[in-house]
N, C-alpha and C. Protein backbone atom coordinates (compact mmCIF):
# COMPACT_ATOMS: atom_id res chain seq x y z
N UNK A 1 -29.24 17.67 64.63
CA UNK A 1 -28.44 17.04 63.60
C UNK A 1 -27.20 16.44 64.27
N UNK A 2 -26.97 15.17 63.97
CA UNK A 2 -25.82 14.51 64.56
C UNK A 2 -24.54 14.92 63.84
N UNK A 3 -23.56 15.30 64.61
CA UNK A 3 -22.29 15.74 64.03
C UNK A 3 -21.33 14.57 63.87
N UNK A 4 -20.58 14.55 62.78
CA UNK A 4 -19.54 13.53 62.63
C UNK A 4 -18.31 13.85 63.47
N UNK A 5 -18.32 15.01 64.08
CA UNK A 5 -17.19 15.45 64.89
C UNK A 5 -17.64 15.52 66.34
N UNK A 6 -17.05 14.70 67.17
CA UNK A 6 -17.42 14.71 68.59
C UNK A 6 -16.62 15.77 69.33
N UNK A 7 -15.31 15.66 69.24
CA UNK A 7 -14.41 16.57 69.95
C UNK A 7 -13.26 16.97 69.04
N UNK A 8 -12.71 18.12 69.33
CA UNK A 8 -11.49 18.52 68.65
C UNK A 8 -10.53 19.08 69.68
N UNK A 9 -9.31 18.62 69.57
CA UNK A 9 -8.25 19.11 70.43
C UNK A 9 -7.33 19.95 69.56
N UNK A 10 -7.11 21.19 69.97
CA UNK A 10 -6.31 22.11 69.18
C UNK A 10 -4.82 21.80 69.28
N UNK A 11 -4.10 22.25 68.28
CA UNK A 11 -2.65 22.16 68.34
C UNK A 11 -2.14 23.25 69.29
N UNK A 12 -0.91 23.08 69.75
CA UNK A 12 -0.33 24.10 70.63
C UNK A 12 -0.17 25.42 69.87
N UNK A 13 0.19 25.32 68.59
CA UNK A 13 0.30 26.53 67.78
C UNK A 13 -1.05 27.24 67.68
N UNK A 14 -2.10 26.47 67.44
CA UNK A 14 -3.45 27.04 67.38
C UNK A 14 -3.84 27.69 68.69
N UNK A 15 -3.52 27.03 69.78
CA UNK A 15 -3.83 27.59 71.10
C UNK A 15 -3.08 28.91 71.30
N UNK A 16 -1.80 28.92 70.94
CA UNK A 16 -1.02 30.15 71.09
C UNK A 16 -1.59 31.28 70.23
N UNK A 17 -2.01 30.95 69.02
CA UNK A 17 -2.59 31.96 68.14
C UNK A 17 -3.92 32.45 68.70
N UNK A 18 -4.73 31.54 69.24
CA UNK A 18 -6.00 31.97 69.84
C UNK A 18 -5.77 32.81 71.08
N UNK A 19 -4.74 32.50 71.83
CA UNK A 19 -4.41 33.30 73.01
C UNK A 19 -4.10 34.74 72.59
N UNK A 20 -3.37 34.88 71.50
CA UNK A 20 -3.08 36.22 70.96
C UNK A 20 -4.38 36.92 70.57
N UNK A 21 -5.27 36.19 69.89
CA UNK A 21 -6.54 36.79 69.47
C UNK A 21 -7.40 37.16 70.66
N UNK A 22 -7.38 36.33 71.69
CA UNK A 22 -8.14 36.65 72.90
C UNK A 22 -7.65 37.96 73.50
N UNK A 23 -6.34 38.12 73.54
CA UNK A 23 -5.75 39.34 74.10
C UNK A 23 -6.14 40.57 73.26
N UNK A 24 -6.07 40.44 71.95
CA UNK A 24 -6.36 41.58 71.07
C UNK A 24 -7.83 41.94 71.06
N UNK A 25 -8.69 40.94 70.98
CA UNK A 25 -10.12 41.18 70.80
C UNK A 25 -10.89 41.25 72.11
N UNK A 26 -10.29 40.76 73.18
CA UNK A 26 -10.96 40.66 74.49
C UNK A 26 -12.11 39.66 74.47
N UNK A 27 -12.17 38.80 73.45
CA UNK A 27 -13.14 37.71 73.43
C UNK A 27 -12.55 36.60 74.28
N UNK A 28 -13.23 36.26 75.37
CA UNK A 28 -12.67 35.33 76.34
C UNK A 28 -12.86 33.86 76.01
N UNK A 29 -13.79 33.55 75.13
CA UNK A 29 -14.15 32.15 74.92
C UNK A 29 -13.51 31.60 73.65
N UNK A 30 -12.86 30.44 73.83
CA UNK A 30 -12.20 29.78 72.71
C UNK A 30 -13.19 29.49 71.59
N UNK A 31 -14.38 29.00 71.97
CA UNK A 31 -15.32 28.53 70.95
C UNK A 31 -15.78 29.66 70.03
N UNK A 32 -15.94 30.84 70.56
CA UNK A 32 -16.37 31.96 69.72
C UNK A 32 -15.28 32.32 68.72
N UNK A 33 -14.06 32.39 69.18
CA UNK A 33 -12.96 32.68 68.25
C UNK A 33 -12.79 31.55 67.24
N UNK A 34 -13.01 30.33 67.67
CA UNK A 34 -12.90 29.19 66.75
C UNK A 34 -13.97 29.26 65.67
N UNK A 35 -15.17 29.71 66.02
CA UNK A 35 -16.22 29.87 65.00
C UNK A 35 -15.80 30.91 63.97
N UNK A 36 -15.25 32.03 64.44
CA UNK A 36 -14.76 33.05 63.51
C UNK A 36 -13.69 32.45 62.61
N UNK A 37 -12.78 31.72 63.19
CA UNK A 37 -11.67 31.15 62.43
C UNK A 37 -12.19 30.15 61.39
N UNK A 38 -13.09 29.30 61.80
CA UNK A 38 -13.65 28.30 60.88
C UNK A 38 -14.32 28.99 59.69
N UNK A 39 -15.12 29.99 59.97
CA UNK A 39 -15.82 30.71 58.89
C UNK A 39 -14.83 31.49 58.03
N UNK A 40 -13.79 32.01 58.64
CA UNK A 40 -12.77 32.73 57.86
C UNK A 40 -12.12 31.80 56.85
N UNK A 41 -11.84 30.57 57.26
CA UNK A 41 -11.25 29.60 56.34
C UNK A 41 -12.25 29.19 55.26
N UNK A 42 -13.50 28.97 55.65
CA UNK A 42 -14.50 28.58 54.64
C UNK A 42 -14.66 29.66 53.57
N UNK A 43 -14.43 30.90 53.93
CA UNK A 43 -14.57 31.99 52.96
C UNK A 43 -13.47 31.98 51.91
N UNK A 44 -12.40 31.29 52.17
CA UNK A 44 -11.31 31.19 51.19
C UNK A 44 -11.70 30.17 50.12
N UNK A 45 -11.46 30.49 48.86
CA UNK A 45 -11.85 29.54 47.81
C UNK A 45 -10.98 28.30 47.71
N UNK A 46 -9.77 28.35 48.22
CA UNK A 46 -8.87 27.20 48.10
C UNK A 46 -9.15 26.16 49.18
N UNK A 47 -8.77 24.93 48.87
CA UNK A 47 -8.87 23.84 49.82
C UNK A 47 -7.68 23.93 50.77
N UNK A 48 -7.88 23.73 52.08
CA UNK A 48 -6.74 23.78 52.99
C UNK A 48 -5.72 22.69 52.65
N UNK A 49 -4.46 23.02 52.82
CA UNK A 49 -3.41 22.04 52.58
C UNK A 49 -3.56 20.87 53.55
N UNK A 50 -3.43 19.65 53.03
CA UNK A 50 -3.63 18.48 53.90
C UNK A 50 -2.39 18.19 54.75
N UNK A 51 -2.09 19.08 55.65
CA UNK A 51 -0.91 18.92 56.51
C UNK A 51 -1.33 18.27 57.83
N UNK A 52 -0.45 17.48 58.40
CA UNK A 52 -0.78 16.91 59.72
C UNK A 52 -0.79 18.01 60.77
N UNK A 53 -1.81 18.00 61.60
CA UNK A 53 -1.93 18.99 62.66
C UNK A 53 -1.94 18.24 63.99
N UNK A 54 -0.94 18.48 64.81
CA UNK A 54 -0.90 17.75 66.08
C UNK A 54 -2.01 18.20 67.03
N UNK A 55 -2.42 17.32 67.87
CA UNK A 55 -3.41 17.63 68.92
C UNK A 55 -2.64 17.71 70.23
N UNK A 56 -1.75 18.70 70.31
CA UNK A 56 -0.81 18.73 71.42
C UNK A 56 -1.03 19.86 72.42
N UNK A 57 -2.21 20.43 72.43
CA UNK A 57 -2.50 21.44 73.46
C UNK A 57 -3.47 20.87 74.49
N UNK A 58 -3.78 21.68 75.46
CA UNK A 58 -4.77 21.25 76.46
C UNK A 58 -6.13 21.87 76.19
N UNK A 59 -6.32 22.44 75.01
CA UNK A 59 -7.62 23.02 74.66
C UNK A 59 -8.39 22.01 73.81
N UNK A 60 -9.52 21.61 74.34
CA UNK A 60 -10.36 20.63 73.67
C UNK A 60 -11.80 21.12 73.71
N UNK A 61 -12.47 21.01 72.58
CA UNK A 61 -13.85 21.47 72.48
C UNK A 61 -14.71 20.33 71.94
N UNK A 62 -15.92 20.22 72.43
CA UNK A 62 -16.87 19.34 71.79
C UNK A 62 -17.50 20.12 70.64
N UNK A 63 -18.10 19.38 69.72
CA UNK A 63 -18.75 20.06 68.59
C UNK A 63 -19.84 20.99 69.10
N UNK A 64 -20.60 20.55 70.07
CA UNK A 64 -21.71 21.37 70.59
C UNK A 64 -21.19 22.65 71.25
N UNK A 65 -20.07 22.56 71.95
CA UNK A 65 -19.49 23.77 72.55
C UNK A 65 -18.94 24.66 71.43
N UNK A 66 -18.27 24.05 70.48
CA UNK A 66 -17.74 24.83 69.35
C UNK A 66 -18.87 25.59 68.65
N UNK A 67 -19.89 24.87 68.26
CA UNK A 67 -20.92 25.47 67.42
C UNK A 67 -22.03 26.18 68.15
N UNK A 68 -22.25 25.79 69.40
CA UNK A 68 -23.34 26.41 70.17
C UNK A 68 -24.67 26.32 69.44
N UNK A 69 -25.41 27.40 69.48
CA UNK A 69 -26.75 27.42 68.88
C UNK A 69 -26.72 27.31 67.35
N UNK A 70 -25.58 27.59 66.76
CA UNK A 70 -25.49 27.51 65.29
C UNK A 70 -24.71 26.29 64.83
N UNK A 71 -24.59 25.28 65.69
CA UNK A 71 -23.79 24.10 65.33
C UNK A 71 -24.34 23.39 64.09
N UNK A 72 -25.66 23.32 63.96
CA UNK A 72 -26.23 22.66 62.78
C UNK A 72 -25.91 23.45 61.51
N UNK A 73 -25.96 24.75 61.61
CA UNK A 73 -25.66 25.60 60.45
C UNK A 73 -24.19 25.45 60.05
N UNK A 74 -23.32 25.40 61.04
CA UNK A 74 -21.89 25.24 60.75
C UNK A 74 -21.61 23.87 60.14
N UNK A 75 -22.32 22.85 60.60
CA UNK A 75 -22.15 21.52 60.03
C UNK A 75 -22.62 21.47 58.58
N UNK A 76 -23.73 22.12 58.31
CA UNK A 76 -24.23 22.19 56.93
C UNK A 76 -23.22 22.93 56.05
N UNK A 77 -22.66 24.02 56.57
CA UNK A 77 -21.66 24.78 55.80
C UNK A 77 -20.44 23.91 55.52
N UNK A 78 -20.02 23.13 56.49
CA UNK A 78 -18.87 22.23 56.29
C UNK A 78 -19.19 21.18 55.23
N UNK A 79 -20.36 20.57 55.34
CA UNK A 79 -20.75 19.55 54.36
C UNK A 79 -20.83 20.14 52.96
N UNK A 80 -21.40 21.33 52.84
CA UNK A 80 -21.52 21.97 51.53
C UNK A 80 -20.14 22.28 50.96
N UNK A 81 -19.26 22.77 51.82
CA UNK A 81 -17.91 23.09 51.37
C UNK A 81 -17.18 21.84 50.89
N UNK A 82 -17.30 20.75 51.63
CA UNK A 82 -16.65 19.50 51.23
C UNK A 82 -17.24 18.99 49.92
N UNK A 83 -18.54 19.09 49.78
CA UNK A 83 -19.19 18.69 48.53
C UNK A 83 -18.69 19.54 47.37
N UNK A 84 -18.66 20.86 47.57
CA UNK A 84 -18.20 21.77 46.51
C UNK A 84 -16.75 21.52 46.12
N UNK A 85 -15.94 21.10 47.09
CA UNK A 85 -14.53 20.83 46.84
C UNK A 85 -14.31 19.44 46.26
N UNK A 86 -15.39 18.67 46.09
CA UNK A 86 -15.29 17.33 45.52
C UNK A 86 -14.67 16.31 46.45
N UNK A 87 -14.78 16.55 47.75
CA UNK A 87 -14.14 15.67 48.72
C UNK A 87 -15.09 14.62 49.30
N UNK A 88 -16.38 14.78 49.07
CA UNK A 88 -17.34 13.87 49.69
C UNK A 88 -17.70 14.34 51.08
N UNK A 89 -18.66 13.66 51.66
CA UNK A 89 -19.14 14.09 52.98
C UNK A 89 -19.14 12.93 53.98
N UNK A 90 -18.19 12.01 53.81
CA UNK A 90 -18.07 10.92 54.76
C UNK A 90 -17.58 11.49 56.10
N UNK A 91 -17.87 10.75 57.14
CA UNK A 91 -17.55 11.20 58.51
C UNK A 91 -16.07 11.58 58.65
N UNK A 92 -15.19 10.71 58.17
CA UNK A 92 -13.75 10.97 58.32
C UNK A 92 -13.32 12.21 57.52
N UNK A 93 -13.88 12.37 56.34
CA UNK A 93 -13.56 13.54 55.52
C UNK A 93 -14.01 14.82 56.23
N UNK A 94 -15.22 14.80 56.75
CA UNK A 94 -15.74 15.99 57.44
C UNK A 94 -14.88 16.33 58.65
N UNK A 95 -14.51 15.32 59.42
CA UNK A 95 -13.69 15.56 60.62
C UNK A 95 -12.33 16.12 60.23
N UNK A 96 -11.73 15.56 59.19
CA UNK A 96 -10.42 16.02 58.75
C UNK A 96 -10.49 17.44 58.19
N UNK A 97 -11.47 17.69 57.35
CA UNK A 97 -11.60 19.03 56.76
C UNK A 97 -11.95 20.07 57.82
N UNK A 98 -12.74 19.69 58.79
CA UNK A 98 -13.04 20.64 59.88
C UNK A 98 -11.76 21.04 60.59
N UNK A 99 -10.95 20.06 60.91
CA UNK A 99 -9.69 20.34 61.61
C UNK A 99 -8.78 21.24 60.76
N UNK A 100 -8.70 20.95 59.47
CA UNK A 100 -7.86 21.76 58.58
C UNK A 100 -8.40 23.18 58.45
N UNK A 101 -9.71 23.31 58.26
CA UNK A 101 -10.30 24.65 58.12
C UNK A 101 -10.15 25.44 59.43
N UNK A 102 -10.38 24.79 60.54
CA UNK A 102 -10.29 25.49 61.82
C UNK A 102 -8.88 26.03 62.03
N UNK A 103 -7.90 25.19 61.86
CA UNK A 103 -6.53 25.64 62.10
C UNK A 103 -6.05 26.65 61.04
N UNK A 104 -6.47 26.48 59.81
CA UNK A 104 -6.11 27.47 58.80
C UNK A 104 -6.73 28.82 59.15
N UNK A 105 -7.99 28.80 59.56
CA UNK A 105 -8.67 30.04 59.92
C UNK A 105 -8.04 30.71 61.13
N UNK A 106 -7.65 29.93 62.10
CA UNK A 106 -6.97 30.49 63.28
C UNK A 106 -5.68 31.17 62.82
N UNK A 107 -4.96 30.52 61.94
CA UNK A 107 -3.72 31.11 61.43
C UNK A 107 -3.97 32.40 60.67
N UNK A 108 -5.02 32.41 59.85
CA UNK A 108 -5.35 33.63 59.10
C UNK A 108 -5.67 34.78 60.05
N UNK A 109 -6.50 34.50 61.04
CA UNK A 109 -6.90 35.58 61.96
C UNK A 109 -5.71 36.05 62.79
N UNK A 110 -4.95 35.11 63.30
CA UNK A 110 -3.81 35.50 64.15
C UNK A 110 -2.73 36.22 63.34
N UNK A 111 -2.63 35.90 62.07
CA UNK A 111 -1.61 36.52 61.24
C UNK A 111 -2.05 37.81 60.56
N UNK A 112 -3.31 38.19 60.76
CA UNK A 112 -3.82 39.40 60.13
C UNK A 112 -3.36 40.62 60.93
N UNK A 113 -2.48 41.44 60.35
CA UNK A 113 -1.97 42.59 61.10
C UNK A 113 -3.01 43.67 61.33
N UNK A 114 -4.14 43.57 60.64
CA UNK A 114 -5.20 44.57 60.81
C UNK A 114 -6.09 44.30 62.01
N UNK A 115 -5.98 43.11 62.60
CA UNK A 115 -6.82 42.79 63.76
C UNK A 115 -6.10 43.24 65.02
N UNK A 116 -6.58 44.33 65.58
CA UNK A 116 -6.00 44.89 66.80
C UNK A 116 -7.04 45.03 67.91
N UNK A 117 -8.32 44.86 67.53
CA UNK A 117 -9.40 44.94 68.51
C UNK A 117 -10.62 44.22 67.92
N UNK A 118 -11.66 44.03 68.74
CA UNK A 118 -12.81 43.25 68.29
C UNK A 118 -13.49 43.88 67.08
N UNK A 119 -13.48 45.18 66.98
CA UNK A 119 -14.11 45.84 65.83
C UNK A 119 -13.43 45.42 64.52
N UNK A 120 -12.14 45.17 64.58
CA UNK A 120 -11.41 44.73 63.39
C UNK A 120 -11.85 43.33 62.99
N UNK A 121 -12.14 42.50 63.96
CA UNK A 121 -12.62 41.15 63.69
C UNK A 121 -14.01 41.20 63.04
N UNK A 122 -14.84 42.05 63.58
CA UNK A 122 -16.20 42.19 63.05
C UNK A 122 -16.18 42.77 61.64
N UNK A 123 -15.21 43.59 61.34
CA UNK A 123 -15.14 44.24 60.02
C UNK A 123 -14.77 43.27 58.90
N UNK A 124 -14.19 42.14 59.22
CA UNK A 124 -13.72 41.22 58.17
C UNK A 124 -14.84 40.80 57.23
N UNK A 125 -15.96 40.28 57.73
CA UNK A 125 -17.01 39.88 56.77
C UNK A 125 -17.65 41.07 56.08
N UNK A 126 -17.65 42.22 56.72
CA UNK A 126 -18.25 43.40 56.11
C UNK A 126 -17.44 43.89 54.92
N UNK A 127 -16.12 43.69 54.97
CA UNK A 127 -15.25 44.11 53.87
C UNK A 127 -15.48 43.27 52.62
N UNK A 128 -15.86 42.02 52.81
CA UNK A 128 -16.01 41.13 51.67
C UNK A 128 -17.37 41.23 51.01
N UNK A 129 -18.29 42.01 51.57
CA UNK A 129 -19.61 42.17 50.96
C UNK A 129 -19.51 43.18 49.81
N UNK A 130 -20.24 42.92 48.72
CA UNK A 130 -20.20 43.86 47.58
C UNK A 130 -20.86 45.19 47.91
């Protein structure tokens, strides 16, 4: 499946937050933490605030590196979320919403005082199950 998102360059704030998460969870790869962050944001019912996010760090990921083997599934989830939010699924909308969801999710994870180790990260989706 062709992605409307080729590359994403993180903000310096996002990079700093991911660095904190890497230290706490011992997950060494940016892309894995970014997947967690993206899914964490998608789990929120609200639409991310349309704030400008600078691309001012040196961390850049391609969509394929970000998504890995589940990149098609993540793209479908993004499209479904945009559709559900009434935003449409045009290329620019998807790219913008991906950036907003990714950075919002990074902020949620980095700001969660309960995340002190990888087990805490894994417990997040388990807590939300009925």
